[in-house]
Amino acid sequence: MLPEQQRQVGLGLTPCSHSNTRRATLAADKLAVLAALGLQWAD
């Protein structure tokens, strides 16, 4: 589990805000993967 996720769980966010956060996290992960692939192609 990521430190950020642990912190959010510790804060006891509501399910609604947690799902929104998870969507934002997934979007960030996709961008990170695309960036990593772009760097590989750049090589």
Protein backbone atom coordinates (compact mmCIF):
# COMPACT_ATOMS: atom_id res chain seq x y z
CA MET A 1 0.00 0.00 0.00
CA LEU A 2 1.31 3.44 -0.87
CA PRO A 3 2.08 5.88 1.98
CA GLU A 4 -0.50 8.26 0.51
CA GLN A 5 -3.15 5.53 0.66
CA GLN A 6 -2.17 4.67 4.23
CA ARG A 7 -2.50 8.33 5.21
CA GLN A 8 -5.96 8.57 3.62
CA VAL A 9 -7.12 5.42 5.39
CA GLY A 10 -5.78 6.83 8.65
CA LEU A 11 -7.82 10.00 8.12
CA GLY A 12 -10.95 7.87 7.74
CA LEU A 13 -12.20 9.46 4.54
CA THR A 14 -15.78 8.77 3.52
CA PRO A 15 -16.35 6.06 0.87
CA CYS A 16 -17.45 8.74 -1.60
CA SER A 17 -14.31 10.83 -1.31
CA HIS A 18 -12.21 7.66 -1.18
CA SER A 19 -13.60 6.47 -4.52
CA ASN A 20 -12.92 9.92 -6.00
CA THR A 21 -9.37 9.78 -4.67
CA ARG A 22 -8.92 6.29 -6.08
CA ARG A 23 -10.07 7.49 -9.51
CA ALA A 24 -7.59 10.36 -9.33
CA THR A 25 -4.85 7.94 -8.27
CA LEU A 26 -5.63 5.60 -11.18
CA ALA A 27 -5.50 8.52 -13.60
CA ALA A 28 -2.13 9.58 -12.17
CA ASP A 29 -0.86 5.99 -12.47
CA LYS A 30 -1.90 5.89 -16.14
CA LEU A 31 -0.05 9.14 -16.80
CA ALA A 32 3.03 7.76 -15.03
CA VAL A 33 2.92 4.60 -17.16
CA LEU A 34 2.50 6.62 -20.36
CA ALA A 35 5.41 8.84 -19.35
CA ALA A 36 7.59 5.79 -18.65
CA LEU A 37 6.69 4.28 -22.03
CA GLY A 38 7.44 7.59 -23.73
CA LEU A 39 10.90 7.66 -22.11
CA GLN A 40 11.56 4.10 -23.30
CA TRP A 41 10.57 5.03 -26.86
CA ALA A 42 12.75 8.15 -26.65
CA ASP A 43 15.76 5.90 -26.00
